[in-house]
PDB file of all heavy atoms in Angstrom:
ATOM      1  N   LEU A   1     -16.121  14.064  -9.948  1.00  0.00           N
ATOM      2  CA  LEU A   1     -15.912  12.624  -9.817  1.00  0.00           C
ATOM      3  C   LEU A   1     -15.433  12.034 -11.143  1.00  0.00           C
ATOM      4  O   LEU A   1     -14.491  11.230 -11.172  1.00  0.00           O
ATOM      5  CB  LEU A   1     -17.214  11.958  -9.367  1.00  0.00           C
ATOM      6  CG  LEU A   1     -17.239  10.426  -9.364  1.00  0.00           C
ATOM      7  CD1 LEU A   1     -16.135   9.858  -8.488  1.00  0.00           C
ATOM      8  CD2 LEU A   1     -18.607   9.926  -8.889  1.00  0.00           C
ATOM      9  N   ALA A   2     -16.075  12.425 -12.249  1.00  0.00           N
ATOM     10  CA  ALA A   2     -15.660  11.923 -13.568  1.00  0.00           C
ATOM     11  C   ALA A   2     -14.214  12.305 -13.858  1.00  0.00           C
ATOM     12  O   ALA A   2     -13.436  11.497 -14.388  1.00  0.00           O
ATOM     13  CB  ALA A   2     -16.588  12.483 -14.649  1.00  0.00           C
ATOM     14  N   ASP A   3     -13.829  13.529 -13.515  1.00  0.00           N
ATOM     15  CA  ASP A   3     -12.452  13.985 -13.775  1.00  0.00           C
ATOM     16  C   ASP A   3     -11.441  13.169 -12.977  1.00  0.00           C
ATOM     17  O   ASP A   3     -10.372  12.800 -13.502  1.00  0.00           O
ATOM     18  CB  ASP A   3     -12.321  15.470 -13.427  1.00  0.00           C
ATOM     19  CG  ASP A   3     -13.093  16.366 -14.379  1.00  0.00           C
ATOM     20  OD1 ASP A   3     -13.464  15.882 -15.460  1.00  0.00           O
ATOM     21  OD2 ASP A   3     -13.340  17.535 -14.014  1.00  0.00           O
ATOM     22  N   ASP A   4     -11.743  12.892 -11.718  1.00  0.00           N
ATOM     23  CA  ASP A   4     -10.799  12.122 -10.903  1.00  0.00           C
ATOM     24  C   ASP A   4     -10.692  10.683 -11.396  1.00  0.00           C
ATOM     25  O   ASP A   4      -9.606  10.088 -11.387  1.00  0.00           O
ATOM     26  CB  ASP A   4     -11.219  12.152  -9.429  1.00  0.00           C
ATOM     27  CG  ASP A   4     -10.155  12.825  -8.552  1.00  0.00           C
ATOM     28  OD1 ASP A   4      -9.144  13.298  -9.107  1.00  0.00           O
ATOM     29  OD2 ASP A   4     -10.332  12.875  -7.322  1.00  0.00           O
ATOM     30  N   LEU A   5     -11.801  10.104 -11.826  1.00  0.00           N
ATOM     31  CA  LEU A   5     -11.747   8.747 -12.394  1.00  0.00           C
ATOM     32  C   LEU A   5     -10.923   8.756 -13.684  1.00  0.00           C
ATOM     33  O   LEU A   5     -10.191   7.800 -13.973  1.00  0.00           O
ATOM     34  CB  LEU A   5     -13.160   8.228 -12.654  1.00  0.00           C
ATOM     35  CG  LEU A   5     -13.958   7.837 -11.407  1.00  0.00           C
ATOM     36  CD1 LEU A   5     -15.429   7.594 -11.756  1.00  0.00           C
ATOM     37  CD2 LEU A   5     -13.366   6.581 -10.761  1.00  0.00           C
ATOM     38  N   GLY A   6     -11.026   9.835 -14.450  1.00  0.00           N
ATOM     39  CA  GLY A   6     -10.210   9.962 -15.656  1.00  0.00           C
ATOM     40  C   GLY A   6      -8.729  10.055 -15.322  1.00  0.00           C
ATOM     41  O   GLY A   6      -7.891   9.457 -16.009  1.00  0.00           O
ATOM     42  N   ARG A   7      -8.398  10.790 -14.272  1.00  0.00           N
ATOM     43  CA  ARG A   7      -6.988  10.876 -13.854  1.00  0.00           C
ATOM     44  C   ARG A   7      -6.467   9.505 -13.431  1.00  0.00           C
ATOM     45  O   ARG A   7      -5.324   9.138 -13.730  1.00  0.00           O
ATOM     46  CB  ARG A   7      -6.853  11.873 -12.696  1.00  0.00           C
ATOM     47  CG  ARG A   7      -7.143  13.311 -13.078  1.00  0.00           C
ATOM     48  CD  ARG A   7      -6.873  14.261 -11.916  1.00  0.00           C
ATOM     49  NE  ARG A   7      -7.296  15.621 -12.241  1.00  0.00           N
ATOM     50  CZ  ARG A   7      -8.492  16.118 -11.965  1.00  0.00           C
ATOM     51  NH1 ARG A   7      -9.378  15.372 -11.302  1.00  0.00           N
ATOM     52  NH2 ARG A   7      -8.804  17.348 -12.317  1.00  0.00           N
ATOM     53  N   PHE A   8      -7.312   8.752 -12.723  1.00  0.00           N
ATOM     54  CA  PHE A   8      -6.883   7.409 -12.310  1.00  0.00           C
ATOM     55  C   PHE A   8      -6.623   6.531 -13.535  1.00  0.00           C
ATOM     56  O   PHE A   8      -5.611   5.814 -13.595  1.00  0.00           O
ATOM     57  CB  PHE A   8      -7.962   6.776 -11.426  1.00  0.00           C
ATOM     58  CG  PHE A   8      -7.712   5.338 -11.106  1.00  0.00           C
ATOM     59  CD1 PHE A   8      -6.807   4.973 -10.121  1.00  0.00           C
ATOM     60  CD2 PHE A   8      -8.366   4.323 -11.811  1.00  0.00           C
ATOM     61  CE1 PHE A   8      -6.559   3.638  -9.831  1.00  0.00           C
ATOM     62  CE2 PHE A   8      -8.126   2.991 -11.530  1.00  0.00           C
ATOM     63  CZ  PHE A   8      -7.223   2.647 -10.540  1.00  0.00           C
ATOM     64  N   LEU A   9      -7.521   6.589 -14.513  1.00  0.00           N
ATOM     65  CA  LEU A   9      -7.361   5.769 -15.717  1.00  0.00           C
ATOM     66  C   LEU A   9      -6.115   6.169 -16.509  1.00  0.00           C
ATOM     67  O   LEU A   9      -5.466   5.328 -17.131  1.00  0.00           O
ATOM     68  CB  LEU A   9      -8.603   5.891 -16.603  1.00  0.00           C
ATOM     69  CG  LEU A   9      -9.871   5.188 -16.094  1.00  0.00           C
ATOM     70  CD1 LEU A   9     -11.083   5.624 -16.903  1.00  0.00           C
ATOM     71  CD2 LEU A   9      -9.708   3.671 -16.157  1.00  0.00           C
ATOM     72  N   ASP A  10      -5.781   7.453 -16.480  1.00  0.00           N
ATOM     73  CA  ASP A  10      -4.612   7.938 -17.222  1.00  0.00           C
ATOM     74  C   ASP A  10      -3.309   7.796 -16.441  1.00  0.00           C
ATOM     75  O   ASP A  10      -2.240   8.142 -16.953  1.00  0.00           O
ATOM     76  CB  ASP A  10      -4.816   9.418 -17.588  1.00  0.00           C
ATOM     77  CG  ASP A  10      -5.971   9.616 -18.555  1.00  0.00           C
ATOM     78  OD1 ASP A  10      -6.354   8.636 -19.222  1.00  0.00           O
ATOM     79  OD2 ASP A  10      -6.496  10.743 -18.616  1.00  0.00           O
ATOM     80  N   GLY A  11      -3.387   7.319 -15.200  1.00  0.00           N
ATOM     81  CA  GLY A  11      -2.193   7.164 -14.395  1.00  0.00           C
ATOM     82  C   GLY A  11      -1.670   8.467 -13.824  1.00  0.00           C
ATOM     83  O   GLY A  11      -0.497   8.558 -13.438  1.00  0.00           O
ATOM     84  N   ARG A  12      -2.537   9.496 -13.764  1.00  0.00           N
ATOM     85  CA  ARG A  12      -2.123  10.794 -13.214  1.00  0.00           C
ATOM     86  C   ARG A  12      -2.558  10.904 -11.757  1.00  0.00           C
ATOM     87  O   ARG A  12      -3.464  10.192 -11.315  1.00  0.00           O
ATOM     88  CB  ARG A  12      -2.740  11.930 -14.036  1.00  0.00           C
ATOM     89  CG  ARG A  12      -2.227  11.999 -15.463  1.00  0.00           C
ATOM     90  CD  ARG A  12      -2.871  13.159 -16.219  1.00  0.00           C
ATOM     91  NE  ARG A  12      -4.278  12.891 -16.513  1.00  0.00           N
ATOM     92  CZ  ARG A  12      -5.264  13.762 -16.334  1.00  0.00           C
ATOM     93  NH1 ARG A  12      -5.001  14.960 -15.801  1.00  0.00           N
ATOM     94  NH2 ARG A  12      -6.514  13.458 -16.664  1.00  0.00           N
ATOM     95  N   PRO A  13      -1.959  11.788 -10.986  1.00  0.00           N
ATOM     96  CA  PRO A  13      -2.358  11.960  -9.580  1.00  0.00           C
ATOM     97  C   PRO A  13      -3.815  12.424  -9.471  1.00  0.00           C
ATOM     98  O   PRO A  13      -4.248  13.302 -10.220  1.00  0.00           O
ATOM     99  CB  PRO A  13      -1.402  13.042  -9.063  1.00  0.00           C
ATOM    100  CG  PRO A  13      -0.243  13.013 -10.002  1.00  0.00           C
ATOM    101  CD  PRO A  13      -0.801  12.632 -11.341  1.00  0.00           C
ATOM    102  N   ILE A  14      -4.558  11.848  -8.575  1.00  0.00           N
ATOM    103  CA  ILE A  14      -5.946  12.251  -8.370  1.00  0.00           C
ATOM    104  C   ILE A  14      -5.982  13.451  -7.422  1.00  0.00           C
ATOM    105  O   ILE A  14      -5.019  13.706  -6.685  1.00  0.00           O
ATOM    106  CB  ILE A  14      -6.793  11.096  -7.797  1.00  0.00           C
ATOM    107  CG1 ILE A  14      -6.279  10.693  -6.403  1.00  0.00           C
ATOM    108  CG2 ILE A  14      -6.781   9.906  -8.744  1.00  0.00           C
ATOM    109  CD1 ILE A  14      -7.173   9.684  -5.700  1.00  0.00           C
ATOM    110  N   LEU A  15      -7.085  14.189  -7.448  1.00  0.00           N
ATOM    111  CA  LEU A  15      -7.223  15.353  -6.586  1.00  0.00           C
ATOM    112  C   LEU A  15      -7.749  14.990  -5.202  1.00  0.00           C
ATOM    113  O   LEU A  15      -7.498  15.712  -4.236  1.00  0.00           O
ATOM    114  CB  LEU A  15      -8.158  16.387  -7.228  1.00  0.00           C
ATOM    115  CG  LEU A  15      -7.667  16.999  -8.550  1.00  0.00           C
ATOM    116  CD1 LEU A  15      -8.638  18.081  -9.007  1.00  0.00           C
ATOM    117  CD2 LEU A  15      -6.259  17.560  -8.406  1.00  0.00           C
ATOM    118  N   ALA A  16      -8.512  13.881  -5.128  1.00  0.00           N
ATOM    119  CA  ALA A  16      -9.034  13.452  -3.825  1.00  0.00           C
ATOM    120  C   ALA A  16      -7.882  13.052  -2.923  1.00  0.00           C
ATOM    121  O   ALA A  16      -6.877  12.490  -3.375  1.00  0.00           O
ATOM    122  CB  ALA A  16     -10.001  12.284  -3.997  1.00  0.00           C
ATOM    123  N   ARG A  17      -8.033  13.320  -1.657  1.00  0.00           N
ATOM    124  CA  ARG A  17      -7.014  12.948  -0.685  1.00  0.00           C
ATOM    125  C   ARG A  17      -7.621  12.060   0.372  1.00  0.00           C
ATOM    126  O   ARG A  17      -8.796  12.197   0.726  1.00  0.00           O
ATOM    127  CB  ARG A  17      -6.423  14.203  -0.025  1.00  0.00           C
ATOM    128  CG  ARG A  17      -5.570  15.015  -0.979  1.00  0.00           C
ATOM    129  CD  ARG A  17      -4.302  14.257  -1.360  1.00  0.00           C
ATOM    130  NE  ARG A  17      -3.518  14.971  -2.359  1.00  0.00           N
ATOM    131  CZ  ARG A  17      -3.573  14.708  -3.645  1.00  0.00           C
ATOM    132  NH1 ARG A  17      -4.387  13.770  -4.096  1.00  0.00           N
ATOM    133  NH2 ARG A  17      -2.826  15.369  -4.502  1.00  0.00           N
ATOM    134  N   ARG A  18      -6.815  11.149   0.861  1.00  0.00           N
ATOM    135  CA  ARG A  18      -7.304  10.247   1.904  1.00  0.00           C
ATOM    136  C   ARG A  18      -7.700  11.043   3.147  1.00  0.00           C
ATOM    137  O   ARG A  18      -7.085  12.041   3.495  1.00  0.00           O
ATOM    138  CB  ARG A  18      -6.234   9.227   2.281  1.00  0.00           C
ATOM    139  CG  ARG A  18      -5.894   8.236   1.179  1.00  0.00           C
ATOM    140  CD  ARG A  18      -5.154   7.044   1.766  1.00  0.00           C
ATOM    141  NE  ARG A  18      -6.024   6.277   2.639  1.00  0.00           N
ATOM    142  CZ  ARG A  18      -5.580   5.362   3.514  1.00  0.00           C
ATOM    143  NH1 ARG A  18      -4.296   5.145   3.639  1.00  0.00           N
ATOM    144  NH2 ARG A  18      -6.424   4.700   4.254  1.00  0.00           N
ATOM    145  N   MET A  19      -8.736  10.574   3.803  1.00  0.00           N
ATOM    146  CA  MET A  19      -9.196  11.221   5.023  1.00  0.00           C
ATOM    147  C   MET A  19      -8.114  11.099   6.097  1.00  0.00           C
ATOM    148  O   MET A  19      -7.558  10.028   6.297  1.00  0.00           O
ATOM    149  CB  MET A  19     -10.488  10.533   5.484  1.00  0.00           C
ATOM    150  CG  MET A  19     -11.243  11.290   6.558  1.00  0.00           C
ATOM    151  SD  MET A  19     -12.777  10.411   6.964  1.00  0.00           S
ATOM    152  CE  MET A  19     -13.581  10.383   5.370  1.00  0.00           C
ATOM    153  N   PRO A  20      -7.804  12.184   6.811  1.00  0.00           N
ATOM    154  CA  PRO A  20      -6.778  12.104   7.857  1.00  0.00           C
ATOM    155  C   PRO A  20      -7.182  11.141   8.956  1.00  0.00           C
ATOM    156  O   PRO A  20      -8.361  10.877   9.174  1.00  0.00           O
ATOM    157  CB  PRO A  20      -6.683  13.549   8.361  1.00  0.00           C
ATOM    158  CG  PRO A  20      -7.954  14.199   7.943  1.00  0.00           C
ATOM    159  CD  PRO A  20      -8.365  13.528   6.670  1.00  0.00           C
ATOM    160  N   TRP A  21      -6.183  10.640   9.686  1.00  0.00           N
ATOM    161  CA  TRP A  21      -6.452   9.591  10.680  1.00  0.00           C
ATOM    162  C   TRP A  21      -7.413  10.058  11.763  1.00  0.00           C
ATOM    163  O   TRP A  21      -8.255   9.287  12.230  1.00  0.00           O
ATOM    164  CB  TRP A  21      -5.126   9.142  11.323  1.00  0.00           C
ATOM    165  CG  TRP A  21      -4.471  10.212  12.166  1.00  0.00           C
ATOM    166  CD1 TRP A  21      -3.539  11.116  11.785  1.00  0.00           C
ATOM    167  CD2 TRP A  21      -4.738  10.486  13.548  1.00  0.00           C
ATOM    168  NE1 TRP A  21      -3.188  11.942  12.822  1.00  0.00           N
ATOM    169  CE2 TRP A  21      -3.903  11.573  13.923  1.00  0.00           C
ATOM    170  CE3 TRP A  21      -5.574   9.923  14.503  1.00  0.00           C
ATOM    171  CZ2 TRP A  21      -3.906  12.102  15.204  1.00  0.00           C
ATOM    172  CZ3 TRP A  21      -5.578  10.451  15.788  1.00  0.00           C
ATOM    173  CH2 TRP A  21      -4.753  11.523  16.136  1.00  0.00           C
ATOM    174  N   TRP A  22      -7.317  11.335  12.137  1.00  0.00           N
ATOM    175  CA  TRP A  22      -8.181  11.821  13.207  1.00  0.00           C
ATOM    176  C   TRP A  22      -9.641  11.870  12.765  1.00  0.00           C
ATOM    177  O   TRP A  22     -10.552  11.615  13.549  1.00  0.00           O
ATOM    178  CB  TRP A  22      -7.716  13.193  13.696  1.00  0.00           C
ATOM    179  CG  TRP A  22      -7.535  14.220  12.620  1.00  0.00           C
ATOM    180  CD1 TRP A  22      -6.389  14.531  11.952  1.00  0.00           C
ATOM    181  CD2 TRP A  22      -8.553  15.070  12.081  1.00  0.00           C
ATOM    182  NE1 TRP A  22      -6.621  15.516  11.024  1.00  0.00           N
ATOM    183  CE2 TRP A  22      -7.941  15.880  11.090  1.00  0.00           C
ATOM    184  CE3 TRP A  22      -9.910  15.236  12.344  1.00  0.00           C
ATOM    185  CZ2 TRP A  22      -8.652  16.818  10.342  1.00  0.00           C
ATOM    186  CZ3 TRP A  22     -10.622  16.174  11.621  1.00  0.00           C
ATOM    187  CH2 TRP A  22      -9.999  16.950  10.631  1.00  0.00           C
ATOM    188  N   GLU A  23      -9.864  12.176  11.463  1.00  0.00           N
ATOM    189  CA  GLU A  23     -11.238  12.198  10.959  1.00  0.00           C
ATOM    190  C   GLU A  23     -11.782  10.780  10.842  1.00  0.00           C
ATOM    191  O   GLU A  23     -12.951  10.519  11.143  1.00  0.00           O
ATOM    192  CB  GLU A  23     -11.292  12.902   9.601  1.00  0.00           C
ATOM    193  CG  GLU A  23     -12.668  12.899   8.951  1.00  0.00           C
ATOM    194  CD  GLU A  23     -13.726  13.577   9.804  1.00  0.00           C
ATOM    195  OE1 GLU A  23     -13.385  14.482  10.583  1.00  0.00           O
ATOM    196  OE2 GLU A  23     -14.904  13.194   9.699  1.00  0.00           O
ATOM    197  N   ARG A  24     -10.936   9.826  10.402  1.00  0.00           N
ATOM    198  CA  ARG A  24     -11.386   8.430  10.342  1.00  0.00           C
ATOM    199  C   ARG A  24     -11.712   7.919  11.733  1.00  0.00           C
ATOM    200  O   ARG A  24     -12.677   7.175  11.930  1.00  0.00           O
ATOM    201  CB  ARG A  24     -10.285   7.561   9.692  1.00  0.00           C
ATOM    202  CG  ARG A  24     -10.043   7.872   8.225  1.00  0.00           C
ATOM    203  CD  ARG A  24      -9.323   6.721   7.525  1.00  0.00           C
ATOM    204  NE  ARG A  24      -8.045   6.410   8.161  1.00  0.00           N
ATOM    205  CZ  ARG A  24      -6.893   6.977   7.824  1.00  0.00           C
ATOM    206  NH1 ARG A  24      -6.873   7.912   6.879  1.00  0.00           N
ATOM    207  NH2 ARG A  24      -5.774   6.650   8.417  1.00  0.00           N
ATOM    208  N   SER A  25     -10.904   8.314  12.726  1.00  0.00           N
ATOM    209  CA  SER A  25     -11.168   7.894  14.108  1.00  0.00           C
ATOM    210  C   SER A  25     -12.481   8.475  14.617  1.00  0.00           C
ATOM    211  O   SER A  25     -13.276   7.788  15.266  1.00  0.00           O
ATOM    212  CB  SER A  25     -10.012   8.330  15.011  1.00  0.00           C
ATOM    213  OG  SER A  25      -8.798   7.764  14.593  1.00  0.00           O
TER     214      SER A  25
END
């Protein structure tokens, strides 16, 4: 989690991916 927040702060692509639509449904 700390690493992904660091990527966001640095403007780099994060590793987390949005949940697919079928999983959200």
